[in-house]
């Protein structure tokens, strides 16, 4: 497989880093990034070739679109004259397969995906959906690329905006919560380094329990919550301040923004 990453921003770099730790060698990946400084950083850091868009497309079997949604029209116009049967995998939030197909030669197989930044540590969660011309073989190719940086699931494309809001943006919600808990530890008199170590390991252990026990989060929460104890007092305050409702509203807002980004490019 020869793969071109078109767009060298944060998610493009996260995927590049993970892929090089996985099944692909340096000589199987090229990158294309308009910002010369950014292109130079990627080439120097990862020892990959930084090429023009035309050169990158012509040199590859699989094209991984990793530009911002607002840049998708420009990129499609650049690559369209050079696309000849390559599989196109997009990680652009909100951009539908229909929109990408419309900007490329007829019959181009497109797979829309939504990974997240834990790809940097091979713990990404990625959902993928097939476009009109993408076959089982094309989906399998996308899975093989993205499975190298974490877990992959298939969903109908109609669910991808919700996926974007839940897991695509999800790491930021966890980081926000951890930040607040560390601040709480400092407020209670703990050194920042101690508070951070306590919370990060607690988050890691809790996530592992969720994954490995298969129990519902309510069951795991209740196992920590003794009658009249410290945890139930904390839970009461979280409910009193509307934390659950705020999370629901936040994720709905992220979903709506993903839809807006897609519509803006149609």
Protein backbone atom coordinates (compact mmCIF):
# COMPACT_ATOMS: atom_id res chain seq x y z
CA UNK A 1 0.00 0.00 0.00
CA UNK A 2 1.17 3.51 -0.87
CA UNK A 3 -0.63 6.19 1.11
CA UNK A 4 -0.75 9.98 0.84
CA UNK A 5 -1.84 12.12 3.78
CA UNK A 6 -3.30 15.31 2.35
CA UNK A 7 -3.21 17.85 5.17
CA UNK A 8 -0.62 18.00 7.91
CA UNK A 9 -2.57 19.44 10.82
CA UNK A 10 -3.06 17.84 14.23
CA UNK A 11 -5.18 14.90 13.10
CA UNK A 12 -3.02 14.37 10.00
CA UNK A 13 0.10 14.24 12.14
CA UNK A 14 -1.58 11.97 14.70
CA UNK A 15 -2.46 9.48 11.97
CA UNK A 16 0.98 9.77 10.36
CA UNK A 17 2.67 9.07 13.68
CA UNK A 18 0.46 6.08 14.39
CA UNK A 19 0.71 4.58 10.93
CA UNK A 20 4.49 4.65 11.07
CA UNK A 21 4.33 2.71 14.34
CA UNK A 22 2.02 0.24 12.66
CA UNK A 23 2.07 -1.65 9.39
CA UNK A 24 3.41 1.02 7.04
CA UNK A 25 7.04 1.87 6.43
CA UNK A 26 8.43 5.34 5.82
CA UNK A 27 8.72 4.71 2.09
CA UNK A 28 5.00 3.82 1.89
CA UNK A 29 3.74 7.20 3.12
CA UNK A 30 3.99 10.70 1.68
CA UNK A 31 2.46 13.91 2.99
CA UNK A 32 1.22 17.05 1.30
CA UNK A 33 0.88 20.25 3.31
CA UNK A 34 0.57 23.77 1.90
CA UNK A 35 2.29 25.45 4.85
CA UNK A 36 6.03 25.12 4.10
CA UNK A 37 7.06 25.25 7.77
CA UNK A 38 4.55 22.60 8.71
CA UNK A 39 5.57 20.41 5.76
CA UNK A 40 9.21 20.74 6.79
CA UNK A 41 8.37 19.79 10.38
CA UNK A 42 6.59 16.61 9.29
CA UNK A 43 9.35 15.62 6.86
CA UNK A 44 12.08 16.17 9.45
CA UNK A 45 10.24 14.62 12.40
CA UNK A 46 8.98 11.50 10.65
CA UNK A 47 11.49 11.14 7.81
CA UNK A 48 8.72 11.04 5.19
CA UNK A 49 8.63 12.80 1.85
CA UNK A 50 6.67 16.07 1.72
CA UNK A 51 5.34 16.48 -1.82
CA UNK A 52 3.05 18.76 -3.77
CA UNK A 53 -0.60 17.70 -3.94
CA UNK A 54 -0.22 16.47 -7.53
CA UNK A 55 2.92 14.49 -6.72
CA UNK A 56 1.39 12.97 -3.61
CA UNK A 57 -1.77 11.83 -5.43
CA UNK A 58 0.14 10.34 -8.34
CA UNK A 59 2.47 8.47 -5.98
CA UNK A 60 -0.27 6.78 -3.95
CA UNK A 61 -2.97 4.10 -4.01
CA UNK A 62 -4.85 5.49 -1.00
CA UNK A 63 -5.53 9.17 -0.36
CA UNK A 64 -6.20 10.22 3.22
CA UNK A 65 -7.91 13.63 3.27
CA UNK A 66 -7.08 15.36 6.55
CA UNK A 67 -7.76 19.03 5.81
CA UNK A 68 -10.19 21.26 7.67
CA UNK A 69 -13.79 21.16 6.40
CA UNK A 70 -13.57 24.71 5.04
CA UNK A 71 -10.59 23.68 2.88
CA UNK A 72 -12.26 20.66 1.29
CA UNK A 73 -13.47 22.42 -1.88
CA UNK A 74 -10.00 23.76 -2.65
CA UNK A 75 -8.36 20.38 -2.05
CA UNK A 76 -10.87 18.47 -4.19
CA UNK A 77 -10.32 20.89 -7.06
CA UNK A 78 -6.56 20.33 -6.76
CA UNK A 79 -6.62 16.55 -6.64
CA UNK A 80 -9.49 15.79 -9.04
CA UNK A 81 -7.40 15.99 -12.26
CA UNK A 82 -4.94 13.45 -10.86
CA UNK A 83 -7.28 10.90 -9.24
CA UNK A 84 -7.35 7.67 -11.22
CA UNK A 85 -8.91 4.86 -9.20
CA UNK A 86 -7.36 5.64 -5.81
CA UNK A 87 -9.34 4.94 -2.67
CA UNK A 88 -10.19 8.19 -0.89
CA UNK A 89 -10.47 8.14 2.90
CA UNK A 90 -11.71 11.36 4.51
CA UNK A 91 -11.37 12.44 8.13
CA UNK A 92 -12.85 15.92 7.47
CA UNK A 93 -15.57 16.58 10.06
CA UNK A 94 -19.07 16.97 8.67
CA UNK A 95 -18.13 16.47 5.01
CA UNK A 96 -20.36 13.84 3.41
CA UNK A 97 -19.23 11.19 0.96
CA UNK A 98 -21.71 12.70 -1.53
CA UNK A 99 -19.88 16.03 -1.38
CA UNK A 100 -16.48 14.41 -1.88
CA UNK A 101 -17.73 12.18 -4.71
CA UNK A 102 -19.17 15.24 -6.47
CA UNK A 103 -15.73 16.84 -6.57
CA UNK A 104 -13.88 13.79 -7.90
CA UNK A 105 -14.02 11.68 -11.08
CA UNK A 106 -17.18 9.53 -11.37
CA UNK A 107 -16.93 6.17 -9.63
CA UNK A 108 -14.20 7.19 -7.17
CA UNK A 109 -14.53 5.06 -4.01
CA UNK A 110 -14.86 7.24 -0.91
CA UNK A 111 -14.84 6.18 2.73
CA UNK A 112 -15.78 8.76 5.34
CA UNK A 113 -14.23 8.32 8.76
CA UNK A 114 -14.05 10.02 12.13
CA UNK A 115 -10.99 9.16 14.25
CA UNK A 116 -9.85 11.06 17.32
CA UNK A 117 -6.54 12.33 18.67
CA UNK A 118 -5.67 9.33 20.88
CA UNK A 119 -4.34 8.00 17.57
CA UNK A 120 -1.13 9.61 18.86
CA UNK A 121 -0.89 6.80 21.43
CA UNK A 122 -2.52 4.04 19.32
CA UNK A 123 -5.79 4.32 21.26
CA UNK A 124 -8.01 6.04 18.72
CA UNK A 125 -11.69 5.30 18.28
CA UNK A 126 -12.65 5.54 14.63
CA UNK A 127 -16.01 5.10 12.92
CA UNK A 128 -16.17 4.57 9.16
CA UNK A 129 -18.91 4.69 6.52
CA UNK A 130 -18.93 3.73 2.86
CA UNK A 131 -19.74 6.09 0.03
CA UNK A 132 -21.75 5.15 -3.05
CA UNK A 133 -18.87 3.43 -4.86
CA UNK A 134 -16.98 2.00 -1.88
CA UNK A 135 -17.03 -1.79 -1.76
CA UNK A 136 -16.25 -4.23 1.03
CA UNK A 137 -12.67 -4.25 -0.24
CA UNK A 138 -12.42 -0.47 0.11
CA UNK A 139 -13.88 -0.55 3.62
CA UNK A 140 -11.40 -3.26 4.56
CA UNK A 141 -8.56 -1.11 3.23
CA UNK A 142 -9.73 1.82 5.34
CA UNK A 143 -10.03 -0.43 8.38
CA UNK A 144 -6.50 -1.76 7.90
CA UNK A 145 -5.14 1.78 7.80
CA UNK A 146 -7.06 3.08 10.80
CA UNK A 147 -6.85 -0.07 12.93
CA UNK A 148 -3.13 0.59 13.24
CA UNK A 149 -3.93 3.52 15.55
CA UNK A 150 -6.79 2.05 17.59
CA UNK A 151 -10.24 0.50 17.29
CA UNK A 152 -12.52 0.81 14.24
CA UNK A 153 -16.28 0.35 13.92
CA UNK A 154 -18.61 0.64 10.94
CA UNK A 155 -21.71 2.84 11.18
CA UNK A 156 -24.26 4.21 8.69
CA UNK A 157 -23.16 7.60 7.40
CA UNK A 158 -26.31 9.15 8.90
CA UNK A 159 -24.75 8.52 12.35
CA UNK A 160 -21.36 10.08 11.68
CA UNK A 161 -22.26 13.57 12.87
CA UNK A 162 -23.26 12.04 16.20
CA UNK A 163 -20.00 10.07 16.23
CA UNK A 164 -18.09 13.29 15.58
CA UNK A 165 -19.76 14.91 18.59
CA UNK A 166 -19.32 11.92 20.88
CA UNK A 167 -15.91 10.40 20.17
CA UNK A 168 -14.34 12.78 17.66
CA UNK A 169 -14.62 15.67 20.12
CA UNK A 170 -14.81 13.35 23.12
CA UNK A 171 -11.17 13.55 24.25
CA UNK A 172 -11.62 17.29 24.87
CA UNK A 173 -14.49 16.59 27.28
CA UNK A 174 -12.35 14.18 29.29
CA UNK A 175 -9.40 16.60 29.33
CA UNK A 176 -11.75 19.37 30.49
CA UNK A 177 -13.04 17.18 33.32
CA UNK A 178 -9.54 16.11 34.35
CA UNK A 179 -8.41 19.74 34.33
CA UNK A 180 -11.28 20.66 36.67
CA UNK A 181 -10.54 17.74 39.00
CA UNK A 182 -6.86 18.69 39.23
CA UNK A 183 -7.88 22.24 40.09
CA UNK A 184 -10.15 20.81 42.79
CA UNK A 185 -7.21 18.88 44.23
CA UNK A 186 -5.15 22.07 44.37
CA UNK A 187 -8.07 23.86 46.05
CA UNK A 188 -8.07 21.12 48.68
CA UNK A 189 -4.38 21.65 49.37
CA UNK A 190 -2.64 19.06 47.17
CA UNK A 191 0.42 19.95 45.06
CA UNK A 192 -0.42 20.12 41.34
CA UNK A 193 1.87 17.20 40.50
CA UNK A 194 0.24 15.00 43.13
CA UNK A 195 -3.29 15.97 42.06
CA UNK A 196 -2.44 15.28 38.41
CA UNK A 197 -0.95 11.86 39.14
CA UNK A 198 -3.96 10.88 41.25
CA UNK A 199 -6.50 11.93 38.65
CA UNK A 200 -4.73 10.62 35.55
CA UNK A 201 -4.26 7.18 37.06
CA UNK A 202 -7.83 7.21 38.35
CA UNK A 203 -9.09 8.06 34.85
CA UNK A 204 -6.95 5.32 33.30
CA UNK A 205 -8.09 2.74 35.84
CA UNK A 206 -11.74 3.71 35.49
CA UNK A 207 -11.61 3.47 31.69
CA UNK A 208 -9.95 0.07 31.93
CA UNK A 209 -12.69 -1.15 34.27
CA UNK A 210 -15.37 0.03 31.85
CA UNK A 211 -13.68 -1.76 28.98
CA UNK A 212 -12.70 -4.99 30.71
CA UNK A 213 -15.60 -5.71 33.08
CA UNK A 214 -18.38 -5.12 30.59
CA UNK A 215 -20.50 -3.68 33.40
CA UNK A 216 -22.78 -0.69 32.92
CA UNK A 217 -21.28 2.58 34.19
CA UNK A 218 -24.19 2.90 36.63
CA UNK A 219 -23.20 -0.40 38.25
CA UNK A 220 -19.58 0.67 38.55
CA UNK A 221 -20.55 4.05 39.95
CA UNK A 222 -22.89 2.48 42.52
CA UNK A 223 -20.09 0.16 43.65
CA UNK A 224 -18.14 3.25 44.76
CA UNK A 225 -21.15 5.02 46.26
CA UNK A 226 -21.72 3.99 49.88
CA UNK A 227 -24.87 5.13 51.73
CA UNK A 228 -24.18 8.41 53.49
CA UNK A 229 -20.58 8.45 52.26
CA UNK A 230 -18.35 10.94 50.51
CA UNK A 231 -19.14 9.87 46.95
CA UNK A 232 -22.92 10.28 47.20
CA UNK A 233 -22.40 13.81 48.52
CA UNK A 234 -20.25 14.61 45.50
CA UNK A 235 -22.79 13.04 43.09
CA UNK A 236 -25.55 15.12 44.66
CA UNK A 237 -23.60 18.28 43.96
CA UNK A 238 -22.91 17.23 40.36
CA UNK A 239 -26.63 16.66 39.80
CA UNK A 240 -27.56 19.91 41.61
CA UNK A 241 -25.28 21.87 39.28
CA UNK A 242 -26.68 20.19 36.17
CA UNK A 243 -23.48 18.48 35.02
CA UNK A 244 -25.36 15.67 33.26
CA UNK A 245 -27.65 18.11 31.42
CA UNK A 246 -24.67 20.27 30.47
CA UNK A 247 -22.90 17.27 28.90
CA UNK A 248 -25.99 16.34 26.92
CA UNK A 249 -26.35 19.91 25.66
CA UNK A 250 -22.65 20.15 24.82
CA UNK A 251 -22.64 16.97 22.75
CA UNK A 252 -25.82 18.01 20.94
CA UNK A 253 -24.16 21.34 20.12
CA UNK A 254 -21.11 19.54 18.73
CA UNK A 255 -23.38 17.34 16.58
CA UNK A 256 -25.21 20.39 15.25
CA UNK A 257 -21.91 22.08 14.39
CA UNK A 258 -20.76 19.00 12.48
CA UNK A 259 -23.97 19.14 10.43
CA UNK A 260 -23.44 22.86 9.79
CA UNK A 261 -19.87 22.31 8.60
CA UNK A 262 -21.10 19.76 6.09
CA UNK A 263 -23.95 21.91 4.81
CA UNK A 264 -21.63 24.88 4.37
CA UNK A 265 -19.60 22.86 1.86
CA UNK A 266 -22.51 21.35 -0.09
